[in-house]
Protein backbone atom coordinates (compact mmCIF):
# COMPACT_ATOMS: atom_id res chain seq x y z
CA UNK A 1 0.00 0.00 0.00
CA UNK A 2 1.25 3.48 -0.80
CA UNK A 3 0.54 6.64 1.22
CA UNK A 4 1.42 10.19 0.25
CA UNK A 5 2.79 12.75 2.68
CA UNK A 6 1.69 16.22 1.62
CA UNK A 7 2.51 19.55 3.21
CA UNK A 8 4.14 22.94 2.94
CA UNK A 9 7.75 23.66 3.75
CA UNK A 10 8.30 23.35 7.54
CA UNK A 11 4.89 21.75 8.14
CA UNK A 12 6.52 18.76 9.86
CA UNK A 13 6.68 15.96 7.27
CA UNK A 14 10.18 14.76 8.10
CA UNK A 15 9.67 15.03 11.86
CA UNK A 16 6.45 13.02 11.59
CA UNK A 17 8.32 10.21 9.84
CA UNK A 18 11.07 10.37 12.46
CA UNK A 19 8.47 10.00 15.23
CA UNK A 20 6.47 7.16 13.65
CA UNK A 21 8.31 4.27 15.33
CA UNK A 22 8.30 6.08 18.68
CA UNK A 23 4.54 6.51 18.34
CA UNK A 24 4.12 2.78 17.78
CA UNK A 25 6.25 1.87 20.81
CA UNK A 26 4.30 4.25 23.07
CA UNK A 27 0.85 3.37 21.71
CA UNK A 28 -1.72 2.64 24.43
CA UNK A 29 -5.35 1.48 24.27
CA UNK A 30 -7.98 4.21 24.21
CA UNK A 31 -9.93 2.72 27.12
CA UNK A 32 -8.53 0.99 30.25
CA UNK A 33 -8.95 -2.74 29.81
CA UNK A 34 -10.10 -2.26 26.23
CA UNK A 35 -9.04 -3.99 23.03
CA UNK A 36 -5.48 -3.03 22.23
CA UNK A 37 -3.21 -3.44 19.23
CA UNK A 38 0.49 -3.71 19.92
CA UNK A 39 2.31 -2.13 16.99
CA UNK A 40 5.79 -2.84 15.71
CA UNK A 41 7.28 -0.76 12.90
CA UNK A 42 10.45 -1.86 11.13
CA UNK A 43 12.29 -0.70 8.04
CA UNK A 44 11.80 -2.76 4.90
CA UNK A 45 15.26 -2.00 3.53
CA UNK A 46 18.67 -0.78 4.66
CA UNK A 47 18.29 2.70 3.14
CA UNK A 48 15.05 3.33 5.04
CA UNK A 49 16.56 2.00 8.26
CA UNK A 50 19.61 4.23 7.98
CA UNK A 51 17.58 7.34 7.16
CA UNK A 52 15.09 6.88 9.99
CA UNK A 53 17.80 5.98 12.51
CA UNK A 54 19.50 9.31 11.82
CA UNK A 55 16.22 11.19 12.17
CA UNK A 56 15.28 9.46 15.44
CA UNK A 57 18.73 10.09 16.86
CA UNK A 58 18.36 13.78 16.11
CA UNK A 59 15.01 13.89 17.92
CA UNK A 60 15.69 11.68 20.92
CA UNK A 61 19.41 11.96 21.61
CA UNK A 62 20.24 15.43 20.30
CA UNK A 63 16.86 16.94 21.30
CA UNK A 64 16.78 18.78 17.98
CA UNK A 65 14.48 18.79 14.97
CA UNK A 66 15.63 16.96 11.83
CA UNK A 67 17.37 18.97 9.12
CA UNK A 68 15.82 19.95 5.82
CA UNK A 69 14.81 17.39 3.22
CA UNK A 70 16.33 18.37 -0.13
CA UNK A 71 16.35 15.18 -2.20
CA UNK A 72 13.38 12.86 -2.77
CA UNK A 73 13.81 10.03 -0.26
CA UNK A 74 11.77 6.81 -0.65
CA UNK A 75 10.92 5.19 2.69
CA UNK A 76 9.43 1.72 3.10
CA UNK A 77 8.02 0.67 6.47
CA UNK A 78 6.58 -2.63 7.70
CA UNK A 79 3.73 -2.28 10.21
CA UNK A 80 2.85 -5.32 12.33
CA UNK A 81 -0.14 -5.12 14.66
CA UNK A 82 -0.99 -7.80 17.22
CA UNK A 83 -4.48 -7.60 18.68
CA UNK A 84 -4.38 -8.26 22.44
CA UNK A 85 -7.23 -9.49 24.59
CA UNK A 86 -9.07 -6.88 26.67
CA UNK A 87 -7.81 -6.70 30.23
CA UNK A 88 -4.77 -8.92 29.69
CA UNK A 89 -1.62 -8.26 31.69
CA UNK A 90 0.49 -5.73 29.72
CA UNK A 91 3.64 -7.56 30.81
CA UNK A 92 2.33 -10.89 29.45
CA UNK A 93 -0.41 -9.97 26.97
CA UNK A 94 -2.51 -12.71 25.43
CA UNK A 95 -3.15 -12.27 21.72
CA UNK A 96 -6.69 -12.64 20.46
CA UNK A 97 -7.54 -15.07 17.72
CA UNK A 98 -8.14 -12.05 15.52
CA UNK A 99 -5.70 -12.17 12.58
CA UNK A 100 -2.73 -9.82 12.91
CA UNK A 101 -2.90 -6.46 11.17
CA UNK A 102 0.15 -6.41 8.91
CA UNK A 103 0.90 -4.07 6.05
CA UNK A 104 3.82 -2.44 4.26
CA UNK A 105 3.73 1.25 3.39
CA UNK A 106 5.72 3.22 0.84
CA UNK A 107 6.30 6.92 1.53
CA UNK A 108 8.24 9.54 -0.40
CA UNK A 109 9.84 12.20 1.81
CA UNK A 110 10.40 15.34 -0.26
CA UNK A 111 11.20 19.01 0.13
CA UNK A 112 8.03 20.98 0.76
CA UNK A 113 9.19 23.38 -1.95
CA UNK A 114 8.27 20.78 -4.58
CA UNK A 115 4.62 21.36 -3.71
CA UNK A 116 4.84 25.09 -4.32
CA UNK A 117 4.00 26.48 -7.77
CA UNK A 118 5.85 23.91 -9.81
CA UNK A 119 8.37 22.97 -7.15
CA UNK A 120 11.20 25.14 -8.31
CA UNK A 121 11.07 23.91 -11.90
CA UNK A 122 13.24 26.17 -13.96
CA UNK A 123 15.84 26.54 -11.23
CA UNK A 124 13.91 28.80 -8.88
CA UNK A 125 15.26 29.20 -5.38
CA UNK A 126 14.36 26.58 -2.81
CA UNK A 127 15.42 27.33 0.72
CA UNK A 128 16.56 24.42 2.88
CA UNK A 129 13.66 24.57 5.30
CA UNK A 130 11.59 21.41 5.10
CA UNK A 131 11.18 19.18 8.11
CA UNK A 132 13.01 20.92 10.92
CA UNK A 133 13.90 23.80 13.14
CA UNK A 134 17.51 24.74 12.88
CA UNK A 135 19.01 28.07 13.80
CA UNK A 136 15.74 29.73 14.76
CA UNK A 137 15.50 32.50 12.15
CA UNK A 138 12.12 33.97 11.45
CA UNK A 139 12.13 33.53 7.69
CA UNK A 140 10.77 37.07 7.37
CA UNK A 141 7.84 36.36 9.70
CA UNK A 142 7.00 38.61 12.64
CA UNK A 143 6.62 36.36 15.68
CA UNK A 144 7.33 35.99 19.37
CA UNK A 145 10.71 34.32 18.99
CA UNK A 146 9.50 30.84 19.90
CA UNK A 147 9.94 27.80 17.70
CA UNK A 148 7.79 24.70 17.93
CA UNK A 149 7.43 21.40 16.09
CA UNK A 150 9.10 22.01 12.73
CA UNK A 151 9.14 25.79 12.46
CA UNK A 152 11.40 27.13 9.76
CA UNK A 153 15.14 27.51 10.06
CA UNK A 154 16.93 30.59 8.88
CA UNK A 155 18.55 30.07 5.50
CA UNK A 156 20.59 33.12 4.51
CA UNK A 157 21.87 31.36 1.40
CA UNK A 158 19.03 29.54 -0.37
CA UNK A 159 19.84 26.38 -2.24
CA UNK A 160 19.25 26.40 -5.97
CA UNK A 161 17.94 23.29 -7.69
CA UNK A 162 19.19 22.63 -11.24
CA UNK A 163 16.27 22.97 -13.71
CA UNK A 164 16.34 19.37 -14.94
CA UNK A 165 16.67 17.94 -11.42
CA UNK A 166 13.82 20.07 -10.10
CA UNK A 167 11.53 19.03 -12.94
CA UNK A 168 12.39 15.35 -12.50
CA UNK A 169 11.77 15.44 -8.74
CA UNK A 170 8.50 17.28 -9.24
CA UNK A 171 7.25 14.70 -11.75
CA UNK A 172 8.35 11.87 -9.44
CA UNK A 173 6.26 13.42 -6.67
CA UNK A 174 3.19 13.88 -8.91
CA UNK A 175 3.39 10.27 -10.10
CA UNK A 176 3.83 9.05 -6.52
CA UNK A 177 0.71 10.90 -5.34
CA UNK A 178 -1.31 9.62 -8.29
CA UNK A 179 -0.46 6.02 -7.39
CA UNK A 180 -1.15 6.49 -3.67
CA UNK A 181 -4.10 4.81 -1.98
CA UNK A 182 -4.30 7.45 0.73
CA UNK A 183 -2.80 10.84 1.56
CA UNK A 184 -1.70 12.39 4.85
CA UNK A 185 -2.07 16.16 4.45
CA UNK A 186 -0.23 18.28 7.02
CA UNK A 187 -1.84 21.65 7.73
CA UNK A 188 0.44 24.09 9.57
CA UNK A 189 -1.67 26.49 11.68
CA UNK A 190 1.35 28.58 12.75
CA UNK A 191 2.27 29.18 9.13
CA UNK A 192 -1.34 30.18 8.48
CA UNK A 193 -1.35 32.54 11.45
CA UNK A 194 2.01 34.22 10.92
CA UNK A 195 1.94 34.81 7.19
CA UNK A 196 -0.30 37.33 5.49
CA UNK A 197 -3.21 35.23 4.24
CA UNK A 198 -1.22 32.02 4.91
CA UNK A 199 0.15 29.84 2.16
CA UNK A 200 -0.91 26.28 3.02
CA UNK A 201 -3.40 26.58 0.16
CA UNK A 202 -0.70 27.69 -2.30
CA UNK A 203 1.25 24.48 -1.62
CA UNK A 204 -1.93 22.43 -2.04
CA UNK A 205 -3.27 24.18 -5.14
CA UNK A 206 0.02 23.98 -7.03
CA UNK A 207 -0.05 20.17 -6.93
CA UNK A 208 -3.67 19.03 -6.68
CA UNK A 209 -4.70 19.88 -10.24
CA UNK A 210 -1.73 18.00 -11.69
CA UNK A 211 -2.65 14.95 -9.62
CA UNK A 212 -6.33 15.06 -10.64
CA UNK A 213 -5.36 15.51 -14.29
CA UNK A 214 -3.28 12.33 -14.24
CA UNK A 215 -5.86 10.41 -12.21
CA UNK A 216 -8.52 11.24 -14.78
CA UNK A 217 -6.20 10.29 -17.63
CA UNK A 218 -5.78 6.90 -15.96
CA UNK A 219 -9.60 6.64 -15.57
CA UNK A 220 -9.31 6.30 -11.79
CA UNK A 221 -11.44 9.25 -10.67
CA UNK A 222 -14.65 8.62 -8.69
CA UNK A 223 -17.45 10.83 -9.92
CA UNK A 224 -14.92 13.47 -10.93
CA UNK A 225 -13.21 13.33 -7.51
CA UNK A 226 -9.89 11.87 -6.44
CA UNK A 227 -10.18 8.25 -5.27
CA UNK A 228 -7.79 8.75 -2.34
CA UNK A 229 -8.69 8.58 1.33
CA UNK A 230 -7.43 11.69 3.13
CA UNK A 231 -6.17 12.29 6.67
CA UNK A 232 -5.83 16.00 7.46
CA UNK A 233 -3.33 16.45 10.29
CA UNK A 234 -3.50 19.86 11.96
CA UNK A 235 0.10 19.99 13.17
CA UNK A 236 1.96 21.66 16.03
CA UNK A 237 -0.61 20.97 18.73
CA UNK A 238 2.29 21.13 21.20
CA UNK A 239 2.44 24.89 20.54
CA UNK A 240 0.55 27.04 23.10
CA UNK A 241 -0.49 29.29 20.21
CA UNK A 242 -2.41 26.30 18.81
CA UNK A 243 -3.54 24.19 21.77
CA UNK A 244 -4.70 27.13 23.89
CA UNK A 245 -6.88 28.49 21.09
CA UNK A 246 -8.14 25.07 19.98
CA UNK A 247 -9.39 24.25 23.47
CA UNK A 248 -10.71 27.76 24.00
CA UNK A 249 -8.60 28.13 27.12
CA UNK A 250 -10.04 24.99 28.74
CA UNK A 251 -6.66 23.37 29.24
CA UNK A 252 -7.53 22.17 32.74
CA UNK A 253 -9.69 19.45 31.20
CA UNK A 254 -6.53 17.75 29.91
CA UNK A 255 -5.02 17.68 33.39
CA UNK A 256 -7.91 15.69 34.84
CA UNK A 257 -7.06 12.43 33.10
CA UNK A 258 -4.21 10.04 33.80
CA UNK A 259 -1.37 9.52 31.36
CA UNK A 260 -0.62 11.60 28.26
CA UNK A 261 -3.41 13.95 27.16
CA UNK A 262 -5.51 12.89 24.18
CA UNK A 263 -6.84 15.41 21.70
CA UNK A 264 -9.77 14.00 19.75
CA UNK A 265 -10.41 14.54 16.06
CA UNK A 266 -13.39 16.83 16.63
CA UNK A 267 -11.05 19.35 18.31
CA UNK A 268 -8.79 19.38 15.24
CA UNK A 269 -11.73 19.77 12.86
CA UNK A 270 -13.31 22.54 14.93
CA UNK A 271 -10.01 24.43 15.19
CA UNK A 272 -9.48 24.09 11.43
CA UNK A 273 -12.94 25.55 10.85
CA UNK A 274 -12.12 28.43 13.23
CA UNK A 275 -9.03 29.24 11.19
CA UNK A 276 -11.13 29.23 8.04
CA UNK A 277 -13.26 32.07 9.41
CA UNK A 278 -10.14 34.22 9.92
CA UNK A 279 -7.91 33.18 7.02
CA UNK A 280 -8.82 33.37 3.35
CA UNK A 281 -6.08 30.85 2.55
CA UNK A 282 -7.43 28.32 5.06
CA UNK A 283 -10.97 28.73 3.74
CA UNK A 284 -9.71 28.15 0.19
CA UNK A 285 -7.97 24.98 1.38
CA UNK A 286 -11.14 23.74 3.09
CA UNK A 287 -13.15 24.35 -0.08
CA UNK A 288 -10.51 22.60 -2.20
CA UNK A 289 -10.56 19.54 0.07
CA UNK A 290 -14.33 19.40 -0.36
CA UNK A 291 -14.04 19.92 -4.10
CA UNK A 292 -11.38 17.30 -4.82
CA UNK A 293 -12.06 14.56 -2.23
CA UNK A 294 -15.13 12.57 -1.23
CA UNK A 295 -16.11 14.06 2.17
CA UNK A 296 -16.85 10.56 3.51
CA UNK A 297 -13.18 9.72 2.96
CA UNK A 298 -11.75 12.67 4.91
CA UNK A 299 -10.74 12.59 8.60
CA UNK A 300 -9.07 15.21 10.83
CA UNK A 301 -6.39 14.73 13.50
CA UNK A 302 -4.72 16.98 16.10
CA UNK A 303 -1.07 16.07 15.67
CA UNK A 304 2.24 16.77 17.36
CA UNK A 305 5.35 14.80 16.49
CA UNK A 306 7.10 15.70 19.75
CA UNK A 307 4.11 15.79 22.10
CA UNK A 308 3.43 17.86 25.19
CA UNK A 309 5.86 18.37 28.04
CA UNK A 310 5.09 16.47 31.24
CA UNK A 311 6.80 16.84 34.59
CA UNK A 312 8.43 14.08 36.66
CA UNK A 313 5.00 12.75 37.65
CA UNK A 314 4.07 12.35 33.99
CA UNK A 315 1.04 14.62 34.31
CA UNK A 316 0.02 17.45 32.02
CA UNK A 317 0.43 20.94 33.49
CA UNK A 318 -1.94 23.43 31.81
CA UNK A 319 0.41 26.35 32.52
CA UNK A 320 3.67 24.62 31.57
CA UNK A 321 3.33 22.20 28.66
CA UNK A 322 5.50 23.59 25.87
CA UNK A 323 8.00 20.91 24.86
CA UNK A 324 10.37 23.32 23.12
CA UNK A 325 12.86 25.77 24.60
CA UNK A 326 15.17 28.23 22.89
CA UNK A 327 18.86 27.72 23.70
CA UNK A 328 21.20 30.28 22.22
CA UNK A 329 18.59 31.14 19.63
CA UNK A 330 18.20 27.50 18.60
CA UNK A 331 15.03 25.51 19.35
CA UNK A 332 15.56 22.35 21.37
CA UNK A 333 13.15 19.65 22.51
CA UNK A 334 12.69 20.15 26.23
CA UNK A 335 11.58 16.76 27.48
CA UNK A 336 10.58 13.31 26.36
CA UNK A 337 9.45 12.92 22.75
CA UNK A 338 5.88 11.61 23.08
CA UNK A 339 4.18 11.74 19.65
CA UNK A 340 0.49 12.58 19.66
CA UNK A 341 -1.79 11.29 16.88
CA UNK A 342 1.11 10.38 14.61
CA UNK A 343 0.34 6.66 14.25
CA UNK A 344 -3.44 7.07 14.22
CA UNK A 345 -3.81 8.87 10.85
CA UNK A 346 -1.81 6.15 9.10
CA UNK A 347 -3.61 3.25 10.77
CA UNK A 348 -6.95 4.96 10.14
CA UNK A 349 -6.20 5.34 6.43
CA UNK A 350 -5.10 1.73 6.07
CA UNK A 351 -8.14 0.45 7.98
CA UNK A 352 -10.56 2.37 5.77
CA UNK A 353 -8.79 1.42 2.55
CA UNK A 354 -8.66 -2.28 3.46
CA UNK A 355 -12.31 -2.15 4.55
CA UNK A 356 -13.32 -1.03 1.07
CA UNK A 357 -11.29 -3.75 -0.59
CA UNK A 358 -12.94 -6.58 1.31
């Protein structure tokens, strides 16, 4: 099965891939004593293993965000899910007779610049920004000096892609998305807030028509719409500028439960709709999603690749939950990396796609 990873520069694509295995290891059942799937994610080839090992090391050991993605990087992951009996001892879980949930996924990690107005075809400048927070520059954006999950790095000398290489990488990305069964779309609310009129839509619009054109040429469209299932991940929910607004200041509700806080999909969808009332770009993106995808195949998730900071007792503190600190002008991950809703969009896509095939 093939999934596409779609998002603007600095939206968090590379960090999300780096956090995927951590999310599987930390995955817990939704309800105490409920049905639980124990997930194992391994690399299907040496190149994928080497790439993801470097990314995880950057996150977990160096407490930094991964560097920019410049070259198209194919990644192949094997997901193995074992369904455990409700209420079984976590130390010695008893598997159910339910068949295991196994699948292999192909991703293509690319520079976010490829999604923008032709992806630099013709040798246009592409700054090395995708996938990480580096030296903490503002990229021309007025802000409060904080950097959270995958904000942009400063890039005083932009990289220039040779015309033929840029065109080839752009076409590879278009063909990859056309062949995908599902798409994970990363929506960056900080980018939408800090830039005049946002530009998440510009990154979406520049690619979506090319994909639909090729899908129609291959006679794969469904009633004029794309056949893909779509998971819209509203990213950076570890950022107080996002979480505080999304929960309308009701952060204390997260502190009442035990274990890591859970942000349900309705919160992500409602926050996305709120942004649409204030941002023309976000409203255009919402309309485009409705115009290109079957609404019954679209789901929303509140996502953070690094998660929320928790103190020694492991509890959420509504007045101190930012998991990023600035050190010498460079953003660093403050505490434990605890991905939130990183695994769920992928598993949800696969479940829905397989359900249709049966």
